[in-house]
Amino acid sequence: MPAVCVKGDTLSTGHGCASTTTLDTPPQIKVTIGGILVAVVNTPTVLHPFPPEPPCAPHIAFLNSGSTKVSIGGIPIGRIGDSADSGIMTTGSSKVSAGG
């Protein structure tokens, strides 16, 4: 089972100017792992550059998909391998994993 993602976890962006970025504050404020908010679908990324125009205009993207079996308030939680920006989540909690 993949590790659950939290605020500050890393993702591959799927684009060239900034190949990685991190998650910002999730839209849910009730569930934490180790005191850090658990990411759910629509958690924004921090502001990061976006191609193709140099100097790559900054943008915010989102966690696009999550678990089909585990949710918070009906919103799927994010895990390593779930879609984010034009890439995927690459880091998650070493303490909690979730299937589906």
PDB file of N, CA and C in Angstrom:
ATOM      1  N   MET A   1       0.841  -1.183   0.000  1.00  0.00           N
ATOM      2  CA  MET A   1       0.000   0.000   0.000  1.00  0.00           C
ATOM      3  C   MET A   1       0.884   1.243   0.000  1.00  0.00           C
ATOM      4  N   PRO A   2       0.486   2.258  -0.774  1.00  0.00           N
ATOM      5  CA  PRO A   2       1.296   3.475  -0.844  1.00  0.00           C
ATOM      6  C   PRO A   2       1.171   4.344   0.410  1.00  0.00           C
ATOM      7  N   ALA A   3       2.233   5.076   0.689  1.00  0.00           N
ATOM      8  CA  ALA A   3       2.249   6.000   1.825  1.00  0.00           C
ATOM      9  C   ALA A   3       1.290   7.154   1.592  1.00  0.00           C
ATOM     10  N   VAL A   4       0.648   7.610   2.658  1.00  0.00           N
ATOM     11  CA  VAL A   4      -0.277   8.741   2.606  1.00  0.00           C
ATOM     12  C   VAL A   4       0.531  10.043   2.559  1.00  0.00           C
ATOM     13  N   CYS A   5       0.077  10.998   1.756  1.00  0.00           N
ATOM     14  CA  CYS A   5       0.767  12.281   1.602  1.00  0.00           C
ATOM     15  C   CYS A   5       0.229  13.320   2.580  1.00  0.00           C
ATOM     16  N   VAL A   6       1.130  14.203   2.981  1.00  0.00           N
ATOM     17  CA  VAL A   6       0.788  15.287   3.900  1.00  0.00           C
ATOM     18  C   VAL A   6       1.332  16.603   3.357  1.00  0.00           C
ATOM     19  N   LYS A   7       0.907  17.703   3.975  1.00  0.00           N
ATOM     20  CA  LYS A   7       1.422  19.022   3.598  1.00  0.00           C
ATOM     21  C   LYS A   7       2.950  18.981   3.588  1.00  0.00           C
ATOM     22  N   GLY A   8       3.562  19.516   2.525  1.00  0.00           N
ATOM     23  CA  GLY A   8       5.014  19.575   2.427  1.00  0.00           C
ATOM     24  C   GLY A   8       5.634  18.419   1.671  1.00  0.00           C
ATOM     25  N   ASP A   9       4.846  17.377   1.364  1.00  0.00           N
ATOM     26  CA  ASP A   9       5.402  16.265   0.589  1.00  0.00           C
ATOM     27  C   ASP A   9       5.681  16.697  -0.845  1.00  0.00           C
ATOM     28  N   THR A  10       6.582  15.965  -1.479  1.00  0.00           N
ATOM     29  CA  THR A  10       7.094  16.302  -2.802  1.00  0.00           C
ATOM     30  C   THR A  10       6.349  15.582  -3.910  1.00  0.00           C
ATOM     31  N   LEU A  11       6.259  16.271  -5.064  1.00  0.00           N
ATOM     32  CA  LEU A  11       5.688  15.668  -6.262  1.00  0.00           C
ATOM     33  C   LEU A  11       6.547  16.017  -7.462  1.00  0.00           C
ATOM     34  N   SER A  12       6.499  15.152  -8.482  1.00  0.00           N
ATOM     35  CA  SER A  12       7.103  15.506  -9.764  1.00  0.00           C
ATOM     36  C   SER A  12       6.033  16.299 -10.501  1.00  0.00           C
ATOM     37  N   THR A  13       6.411  17.449 -11.061  1.00  0.00           N
ATOM     38  CA  THR A  13       5.421  18.326 -11.682  1.00  0.00           C
ATOM     39  C   THR A  13       5.004  17.856 -13.068  1.00  0.00           C
ATOM     40  N   GLY A  14       5.884  17.117 -13.742  1.00  0.00           N
ATOM     41  CA  GLY A  14       5.586  16.707 -15.103  1.00  0.00           C
ATOM     42  C   GLY A  14       5.921  17.778 -16.125  1.00  0.00           C
ATOM     43  N   HIS A  15       6.565  18.869 -15.695  1.00  0.00           N
ATOM     44  CA  HIS A  15       7.008  19.894 -16.639  1.00  0.00           C
ATOM     45  C   HIS A  15       8.424  20.339 -16.333  1.00  0.00           C
ATOM     46  N   GLY A  16       9.034  21.038 -17.281  1.00  0.00           N
ATOM     47  CA  GLY A  16      10.465  21.292 -17.267  1.00  0.00           C
ATOM     48  C   GLY A  16      11.023  22.366 -16.366  1.00  0.00           C
ATOM     49  N   CYS A  17      10.357  23.487 -16.206  1.00  0.00           N
ATOM     50  CA  CYS A  17      10.967  24.591 -15.451  1.00  0.00           C
ATOM     51  C   CYS A  17      11.207  24.238 -13.993  1.00  0.00           C
ATOM     52  N   ALA A  18      10.266  23.589 -13.387  1.00  0.00           N
ATOM     53  CA  ALA A  18      10.401  23.131 -12.004  1.00  0.00           C
ATOM     54  C   ALA A  18       9.962  21.671 -12.010  1.00  0.00           C
ATOM     55  N   SER A  19      10.910  20.767 -12.000  1.00  0.00           N
ATOM     56  CA  SER A  19      10.554  19.349 -12.123  1.00  0.00           C
ATOM     57  C   SER A  19       9.931  18.785 -10.849  1.00  0.00           C
ATOM     58  N   THR A  20      10.157  19.463  -9.722  1.00  0.00           N
ATOM     59  CA  THR A  20       9.533  19.049  -8.466  1.00  0.00           C
ATOM     60  C   THR A  20       9.012  20.269  -7.725  1.00  0.00           C
ATOM     61  N   THR A  21       8.034  20.019  -6.870  1.00  0.00           N
ATOM     62  CA  THR A  21       7.523  21.050  -5.959  1.00  0.00           C
ATOM     63  C   THR A  21       6.917  20.331  -4.764  1.00  0.00           C
ATOM     64  N   THR A  22       6.285  21.067  -3.886  1.00  0.00           N
ATOM     65  CA  THR A  22       5.694  20.465  -2.691  1.00  0.00           C
ATOM     66  C   THR A  22       4.233  20.865  -2.545  1.00  0.00           C
ATOM     67  N   LEU A  23       3.525  20.110  -1.709  1.00  0.00           N
ATOM     68  CA  LEU A  23       2.130  20.425  -1.421  1.00  0.00           C
ATOM     69  C   LEU A  23       2.047  21.539  -0.393  1.00  0.00           C
ATOM     70  N   ASP A  24       1.058  22.394  -0.574  1.00  0.00           N
ATOM     71  CA  ASP A  24       0.772  23.459   0.374  1.00  0.00           C
ATOM     72  C   ASP A  24      -0.321  22.967   1.336  1.00  0.00           C
ATOM     73  N   THR A  25      -1.064  23.851   1.948  1.00  0.00           N
ATOM     74  CA  THR A  25      -2.058  23.498   2.964  1.00  0.00           C
ATOM     75  C   THR A  25      -3.285  22.811   2.353  1.00  0.00           C
ATOM     76  N   PRO A  26      -3.613  21.603   2.834  1.00  0.00           N
ATOM     77  CA  PRO A  26      -4.790  20.886   2.339  1.00  0.00           C
ATOM     78  C   PRO A  26      -6.085  21.620   2.674  1.00  0.00           C
ATOM     79  N   PRO A  27      -7.155  21.351   1.898  1.00  0.00           N
ATOM     80  CA  PRO A  27      -8.438  21.982   2.182  1.00  0.00           C
ATOM     81  C   PRO A  27      -9.189  21.364   3.367  1.00  0.00           C
ATOM     82  N   GLN A  28      -8.630  20.323   3.979  1.00  0.00           N
ATOM     83  CA  GLN A  28      -9.238  19.761   5.191  1.00  0.00           C
ATOM     84  C   GLN A  28      -8.343  20.111   6.373  1.00  0.00           C
ATOM     85  N   ILE A  29      -8.935  20.333   7.537  1.00  0.00           N
ATOM     86  CA  ILE A  29      -8.143  20.782   8.692  1.00  0.00           C
ATOM     87  C   ILE A  29      -8.336  19.900   9.922  1.00  0.00           C
ATOM     88  N   LYS A  30      -8.848  18.675   9.736  1.00  0.00           N
ATOM     89  CA  LYS A  30      -9.169  17.835  10.885  1.00  0.00           C
ATOM     90  C   LYS A  30      -8.242  16.643  11.089  1.00  0.00           C
ATOM     91  N   VAL A  31      -7.628  16.119  10.020  1.00  0.00           N
ATOM     92  CA  VAL A  31      -6.860  14.880  10.140  1.00  0.00           C
ATOM     93  C   VAL A  31      -5.387  15.159   9.884  1.00  0.00           C
ATOM     94  N   THR A  32      -4.555  14.704  10.834  1.00  0.00           N
ATOM     95  CA  THR A  32      -3.114  14.891  10.710  1.00  0.00           C
ATOM     96  C   THR A  32      -2.384  13.565  10.901  1.00  0.00           C
ATOM     97  N   ILE A  33      -1.165  13.536  10.428  1.00  0.00           N
ATOM     98  CA  ILE A  33      -0.224  12.445  10.709  1.00  0.00           C
ATOM     99  C   ILE A  33       0.999  13.130  11.294  1.00  0.00           C
ATOM    100  N   GLY A  34       1.331  12.787  12.523  1.00  0.00           N
ATOM    101  CA  GLY A  34       2.475  13.430  13.178  1.00  0.00           C
ATOM    102  C   GLY A  34       2.313  14.937  13.278  1.00  0.00           C
ATOM    103  N   GLY A  35       1.074  15.404  13.395  1.00  0.00           N
ATOM    104  CA  GLY A  35       0.815  16.832  13.530  1.00  0.00           C
ATOM    105  C   GLY A  35       0.785  17.594  12.213  1.00  0.00           C
ATOM    106  N   ILE A  36       0.895  16.890  11.079  1.00  0.00           N
ATOM    107  CA  ILE A  36       0.894  17.537   9.759  1.00  0.00           C
ATOM    108  C   ILE A  36      -0.382  17.137   9.032  1.00  0.00           C
ATOM    109  N   LEU A  37      -1.072  18.107   8.426  1.00  0.00           N
ATOM    110  CA  LEU A  37      -2.337  17.854   7.744  1.00  0.00           C
ATOM    111  C   LEU A  37      -2.201  16.858   6.594  1.00  0.00           C
ATOM    112  N   VAL A  38      -3.144  15.917   6.523  1.00  0.00           N
ATOM    113  CA  VAL A  38      -3.180  14.918   5.458  1.00  0.00           C
ATOM    114  C   VAL A  38      -3.694  15.578   4.180  1.00  0.00           C
ATOM    115  N   ALA A  39      -3.043  15.273   3.058  1.00  0.00           N
ATOM    116  CA  ALA A  39      -3.439  15.811   1.755  1.00  0.00           C
ATOM    117  C   ALA A  39      -4.648  15.059   1.211  1.00  0.00           C
ATOM    118  N   VAL A  40      -5.552  15.819   0.604  1.00  0.00           N
ATOM    119  CA  VAL A  40      -6.719  15.262  -0.066  1.00  0.00           C
ATOM    120  C   VAL A  40      -6.774  15.847  -1.480  1.00  0.00           C
ATOM    121  N   VAL A  41      -7.604  15.247  -2.336  1.00  0.00           N
ATOM    122  CA  VAL A  41      -7.763  15.778  -3.683  1.00  0.00           C
ATOM    123  C   VAL A  41      -8.080  17.271  -3.596  1.00  0.00           C
ATOM    124  N   ASN A  42      -7.472  18.039  -4.482  1.00  0.00           N
ATOM    125  CA  ASN A  42      -7.563  19.506  -4.555  1.00  0.00           C
ATOM    126  C   ASN A  42      -6.657  20.228  -3.575  1.00  0.00           C
ATOM    127  N   THR A  43      -5.747  19.504  -2.908  1.00  0.00           N
ATOM    128  CA  THR A  43      -4.714  20.189  -2.123  1.00  0.00           C
ATOM    129  C   THR A  43      -3.824  20.928  -3.112  1.00  0.00           C
ATOM    130  N   PRO A  44      -3.574  22.219  -2.898  1.00  0.00           N
ATOM    131  CA  PRO A  44      -2.737  22.970  -3.839  1.00  0.00           C
ATOM    132  C   PRO A  44      -1.255  22.702  -3.623  1.00  0.00           C
ATOM    133  N   THR A  45      -0.491  22.972  -4.671  1.00  0.00           N
ATOM    134  CA  THR A  45       0.961  22.975  -4.543  1.00  0.00           C
ATOM    135  C   THR A  45       1.385  24.375  -4.127  1.00  0.00           C
ATOM    136  N   VAL A  46       2.645  24.504  -3.747  1.00  0.00           N
ATOM    137  CA  VAL A  46       3.184  25.843  -3.560  1.00  0.00           C
ATOM    138  C   VAL A  46       3.378  26.455  -4.948  1.00  0.00           C
ATOM    139  N   LEU A  47       3.481  27.752  -5.012  1.00  0.00           N
ATOM    140  CA  LEU A  47       3.701  28.461  -6.265  1.00  0.00           C
ATOM    141  C   LEU A  47       5.024  28.012  -6.869  1.00  0.00           C
ATOM    142  N   HIS A  48       5.016  27.617  -8.152  1.00  0.00           N
ATOM    143  CA  HIS A  48       6.239  27.181  -8.819  1.00  0.00           C
ATOM    144  C   HIS A  48       6.170  27.539 -10.293  1.00  0.00           C
ATOM    145  N   PRO A  49       7.347  27.628 -10.973  1.00  0.00           N
ATOM    146  CA  PRO A  49       7.375  28.006 -12.387  1.00  0.00           C
ATOM    147  C   PRO A  49       6.714  26.967 -13.288  1.00  0.00           C
ATOM    148  N   PHE A  50       6.162  27.433 -14.403  1.00  0.00           N
ATOM    149  CA  PHE A  50       5.490  26.577 -15.372  1.00  0.00           C
ATOM    150  C   PHE A  50       5.952  26.945 -16.777  1.00  0.00           C
ATOM    151  N   PRO A  51       6.365  25.962 -17.591  1.00  0.00           N
ATOM    152  CA  PRO A  51       6.793  26.267 -18.956  1.00  0.00           C
ATOM    153  C   PRO A  51       5.583  26.489 -19.868  1.00  0.00           C
ATOM    154  N   PRO A  52       5.735  26.843 -21.107  1.00  0.00           N
ATOM    155  CA  PRO A  52       6.976  26.803 -21.866  1.00  0.00           C
ATOM    156  C   PRO A  52       7.666  28.146 -21.981  1.00  0.00           C
ATOM    157  N   GLU A  53       7.029  29.243 -21.609  1.00  0.00           N
ATOM    158  CA  GLU A  53       7.608  30.565 -21.830  1.00  0.00           C
ATOM    159  C   GLU A  53       8.652  30.917 -20.776  1.00  0.00           C
ATOM    160  N   PRO A  54       9.909  31.080 -21.170  1.00  0.00           N
ATOM    161  CA  PRO A  54      10.870  31.602 -20.198  1.00  0.00           C
ATOM    162  C   PRO A  54      10.420  32.979 -19.766  1.00  0.00           C
ATOM    163  N   PRO A  55      10.520  33.388 -18.563  1.00  0.00           N
ATOM    164  CA  PRO A  55      11.137  32.650 -17.480  1.00  0.00           C
ATOM    165  C   PRO A  55      10.191  31.705 -16.756  1.00  0.00           C
ATOM    166  N   CYS A  56       9.222  31.192 -17.415  1.00  0.00           N
ATOM    167  CA  CYS A  56       8.278  30.231 -16.841  1.00  0.00           C
ATOM    168  C   CYS A  56       7.398  30.883 -15.771  1.00  0.00           C
ATOM    169  N   ALA A  57       6.236  31.288 -16.179  1.00  0.00           N
ATOM    170  CA  ALA A  57       5.301  31.989 -15.280  1.00  0.00           C
ATOM    171  C   ALA A  57       4.928  31.104 -14.090  1.00  0.00           C
ATOM    172  N   PRO A  58       4.939  31.653 -12.887  1.00  0.00           N
ATOM    173  CA  PRO A  58       4.562  30.889 -11.699  1.00  0.00           C
ATOM    174  C   PRO A  58       3.089  30.465 -11.746  1.00  0.00           C
ATOM    175  N   HIS A  59       2.806  29.307 -11.182  1.00  0.00           N
ATOM    176  CA  HIS A  59       1.425  28.830 -11.091  1.00  0.00           C
ATOM    177  C   HIS A  59       1.278  27.915  -9.891  1.00  0.00           C
ATOM    178  N   ILE A  60       0.038  27.660  -9.533  1.00  0.00           N
ATOM    179  CA  ILE A  60      -0.295  26.697  -8.493  1.00  0.00           C
ATOM    180  C   ILE A  60      -1.060  25.573  -9.175  1.00  0.00           C
ATOM    181  N   ALA A  61      -0.726  24.337  -8.843  1.00  0.00           N
ATOM    182  CA  ALA A  61      -1.432  23.170  -9.368  1.00  0.00           C
ATOM    183  C   ALA A  61      -2.087  22.457  -8.181  1.00  0.00           C
ATOM    184  N   PHE A  62      -2.616  21.252  -8.434  1.00  0.00           N
ATOM    185  CA  PHE A  62      -3.359  20.561  -7.379  1.00  0.00           C
ATOM    186  C   PHE A  62      -3.103  19.061  -7.379  1.00  0.00           C
ATOM    187  N   LEU A  63      -3.388  18.433  -6.250  1.00  0.00           N
ATOM    188  CA  LEU A  63      -3.444  16.983  -6.168  1.00  0.00           C
ATOM    189  C   LEU A  63      -4.713  16.585  -6.911  1.00  0.00           C
ATOM    190  N   ASN A  64      -4.558  15.809  -7.991  1.00  0.00           N
ATOM    191  CA  ASN A  64      -5.674  15.513  -8.893  1.00  0.00           C
ATOM    192  C   ASN A  64      -6.469  14.270  -8.545  1.00  0.00           C
ATOM    193  N   SER A  65      -5.825  13.285  -7.938  1.00  0.00           N
ATOM    194  CA  SER A  65      -6.525  12.033  -7.640  1.00  0.00           C
ATOM    195  C   SER A  65      -6.020  11.465  -6.329  1.00  0.00           C
ATOM    196  N   GLY A  66      -6.801  10.515  -5.798  1.00  0.00           N
ATOM    197  CA  GLY A  66      -6.433   9.915  -4.530  1.00  0.00           C
ATOM    198  C   GLY A  66      -7.036   8.537  -4.385  1.00  0.00           C
ATOM    199  N   SER A  67      -7.056   8.051  -3.182  1.00  0.00           N
ATOM    200  CA  SER A  67      -7.557   6.713  -2.870  1.00  0.00           C
ATOM    201  C   SER A  67      -9.034   6.565  -3.221  1.00  0.00           C
ATOM    202  N   THR A  68      -9.396   5.401  -3.748  1.00  0.00           N
ATOM    203  CA  THR A  68     -10.807   5.114  -4.019  1.00  0.00           C
ATOM    204  C   THR A  68     -11.483   4.511  -2.795  1.00  0.00           C
ATOM    205  N   LYS A  69     -10.693   4.213  -1.755  1.00  0.00           N
ATOM    206  CA  LYS A  69     -11.247   3.559  -0.567  1.00  0.00           C
ATOM    207  C   LYS A  69     -11.142   4.360   0.715  1.00  0.00           C
ATOM    208  N   VAL A  70     -10.233   5.338   0.767  1.00  0.00           N
ATOM    209  CA  VAL A  70     -10.028   6.100   1.999  1.00  0.00           C
ATOM    210  C   VAL A  70     -10.226   7.581   1.699  1.00  0.00           C
ATOM    211  N   SER A  71     -11.100   8.215   2.498  1.00  0.00           N
ATOM    212  CA  SER A  71     -11.376   9.632   2.282  1.00  0.00           C
ATOM    213  C   SER A  71     -11.541  10.343   3.621  1.00  0.00           C
ATOM    214  N   ILE A  72     -11.485  11.663   3.557  1.00  0.00           N
ATOM    215  CA  ILE A  72     -11.740  12.520   4.712  1.00  0.00           C
ATOM    216  C   ILE A  72     -12.879  13.442   4.294  1.00  0.00           C
ATOM    217  N   GLY A  73     -13.998  13.347   4.981  1.00  0.00           N
ATOM    218  CA  GLY A  73     -15.155  14.157   4.619  1.00  0.00           C
ATOM    219  C   GLY A  73     -15.617  13.895   3.198  1.00  0.00           C
ATOM    220  N   GLY A  74     -15.429  12.663   2.726  1.00  0.00           N
ATOM    221  CA  GLY A  74     -15.842  12.296   1.375  1.00  0.00           C
ATOM    222  C   GLY A  74     -14.854  12.666   0.285  1.00  0.00           C
ATOM    223  N   ILE A  75     -13.705  13.239   0.656  1.00  0.00           N
ATOM    224  CA  ILE A  75     -12.689  13.630  -0.320  1.00  0.00           C
ATOM    225  C   ILE A  75     -11.530  12.634  -0.231  1.00  0.00           C
ATOM    226  N   PRO A  76     -11.145  11.995  -1.350  1.00  0.00           N
ATOM    227  CA  PRO A  76     -10.070  10.994  -1.328  1.00  0.00           C
ATOM    228  C   PRO A  76      -8.749  11.557  -0.810  1.00  0.00           C
ATOM    229  N   ILE A  77      -8.049  10.754  -0.011  1.00  0.00           N
ATOM    230  CA  ILE A  77      -6.722  11.154   0.469  1.00  0.00           C
ATOM    231  C   ILE A  77      -5.688  10.895  -0.626  1.00  0.00           C
ATOM    232  N   GLY A  78      -4.597  11.660  -0.584  1.00  0.00           N
ATOM    233  CA  GLY A  78      -3.515  11.497  -1.547  1.00  0.00           C
ATOM    234  C   GLY A  78      -2.461  10.535  -1.041  1.00  0.00           C
ATOM    235  N   ARG A  79      -1.848   9.797  -2.006  1.00  0.00           N
ATOM    236  CA  ARG A  79      -0.800   8.837  -1.675  1.00  0.00           C
ATOM    237  C   ARG A  79       0.322   8.910  -2.701  1.00  0.00           C
ATOM    238  N   ILE A  80       1.463   8.361  -2.389  1.00  0.00           N
ATOM    239  CA  ILE A  80       2.542   8.274  -3.361  1.00  0.00           C
ATOM    240  C   ILE A  80       1.997   7.587  -4.613  1.00  0.00           C
ATOM    241  N   GLY A  81       2.286   8.179  -5.781  1.00  0.00           N
ATOM    242  CA  GLY A  81       1.850   7.627  -7.057  1.00  0.00           C
ATOM    243  C   GLY A  81       0.561   8.232  -7.582  1.00  0.00           C
ATOM    244  N   ASP A  82      -0.169   8.965  -6.735  1.00  0.00           N
ATOM    245  CA  ASP A  82      -1.397   9.617  -7.202  1.00  0.00           C
ATOM    246  C   ASP A  82      -1.046  10.841  -8.046  1.00  0.00           C
ATOM    247  N   SER A  83      -1.932  11.185  -8.985  1.00  0.00           N
ATOM    248  CA  SER A  83      -1.719  12.299  -9.908  1.00  0.00           C
ATOM    249  C   SER A  83      -1.721  13.639  -9.184  1.00  0.00           C
ATOM    250  N   ALA A  84      -0.720  14.463  -9.522  1.00  0.00           N
ATOM    251  CA  ALA A  84      -0.617  15.820  -8.990  1.00  0.00           C
ATOM    252  C   ALA A  84       0.051  16.689 -10.047  1.00  0.00           C
ATOM    253  N   ASP A  85      -0.460  17.910 -10.268  1.00  0.00           N
ATOM    254  CA  ASP A  85       0.007  18.779 -11.344  1.00  0.00           C
ATOM    255  C   ASP A  85      -0.062  17.957 -12.629  1.00  0.00           C
ATOM    256  N   SER A  86       1.025  17.874 -13.395  1.00  0.00           N
ATOM    257  CA  SER A  86       1.049  17.000 -14.583  1.00  0.00           C
ATOM    258  C   SER A  86       1.910  15.777 -14.318  1.00  0.00           C
ATOM    259  N   GLY A  87       2.215  15.526 -13.056  1.00  0.00           N
ATOM    260  CA  GLY A  87       3.057  14.400 -12.660  1.00  0.00           C
ATOM    261  C   GLY A  87       2.389  13.566 -11.576  1.00  0.00           C
ATOM    262  N   ILE A  88       3.200  13.116 -10.595  1.00  0.00           N
ATOM    263  CA  ILE A  88       2.685  12.270  -9.520  1.00  0.00           C
ATOM    264  C   ILE A  88       3.330  12.630  -8.183  1.00  0.00           C
ATOM    265  N   MET A  89       2.664  12.218  -7.106  1.00  0.00           N
ATOM    266  CA  MET A  89       3.229  12.375  -5.765  1.00  0.00           C
ATOM    267  C   MET A  89       4.414  11.429  -5.619  1.00  0.00           C
ATOM    268  N   THR A  90       5.513  11.917  -5.027  1.00  0.00           N
ATOM    269  CA  THR A  90       6.721  11.093  -4.896  1.00  0.00           C
ATOM    270  C   THR A  90       7.140  10.823  -3.465  1.00  0.00           C
ATOM    271  N   THR A  91       6.625  11.583  -2.498  1.00  0.00           N
ATOM    272  CA  THR A  91       6.937  11.288  -1.102  1.00  0.00           C
ATOM    273  C   THR A  91       5.638  11.251  -0.289  1.00  0.00           C
ATOM    274  N   GLY A  92       5.716  10.568   0.859  1.00  0.00           N
ATOM    275  CA  GLY A  92       4.567  10.436   1.737  1.00  0.00           C
ATOM    276  C   GLY A  92       5.029  10.072   3.129  1.00  0.00           C
ATOM    277  N   SER A  93       4.088   9.889   4.020  1.00  0.00           N
ATOM    278  CA  SER A  93       4.368   9.574   5.407  1.00  0.00           C
ATOM    279  C   SER A  93       5.025   8.199   5.538  1.00  0.00           C
ATOM    280  N   SER A  94       6.016   8.117   6.411  1.00  0.00           N
ATOM    281  CA  SER A  94       6.642   6.819   6.689  1.00  0.00           C
ATOM    282  C   SER A  94       5.834   6.050   7.734  1.00  0.00           C
ATOM    283  N   LYS A  95       4.778   6.682   8.252  1.00  0.00           N
ATOM    284  CA  LYS A  95       4.001   6.081   9.330  1.00  0.00           C
ATOM    285  C   LYS A  95       2.651   5.514   8.927  1.00  0.00           C
ATOM    286  N   VAL A  96       2.066   6.024   7.808  1.00  0.00           N
ATOM    287  CA  VAL A  96       0.718   5.623   7.432  1.00  0.00           C
ATOM    288  C   VAL A  96       0.651   5.335   5.939  1.00  0.00           C
ATOM    289  N   SER A  97       0.023   4.210   5.595  1.00  0.00           N
ATOM    290  CA  SER A  97      -0.211   3.880   4.195  1.00  0.00           C
ATOM    291  C   SER A  97      -1.682   3.534   4.026  1.00  0.00           C
ATOM    292  N   ALA A  98      -2.169   3.623   2.769  1.00  0.00           N
ATOM    293  CA  ALA A  98      -3.575   3.362   2.499  1.00  0.00           C
ATOM    294  C   ALA A  98      -3.732   2.742   1.113  1.00  0.00           C
ATOM    295  N   GLY A  99      -4.633   1.790   1.011  1.00  0.00           N
ATOM    296  CA  GLY A  99      -4.889   1.131  -0.263  1.00  0.00           C
ATOM    297  C   GLY A  99      -5.951   1.831  -1.072  1.00  0.00           C
ATOM    298  N   GLY A 100      -6.236   1.220  -2.237  1.00  0.00           N
ATOM    299  CA  GLY A 100      -7.309   1.708  -3.096  1.00  0.00           C
ATOM    300  C   GLY A 100      -6.963   2.961  -3.770  1.00  0.00           C
TER     301      GLY A 100
END
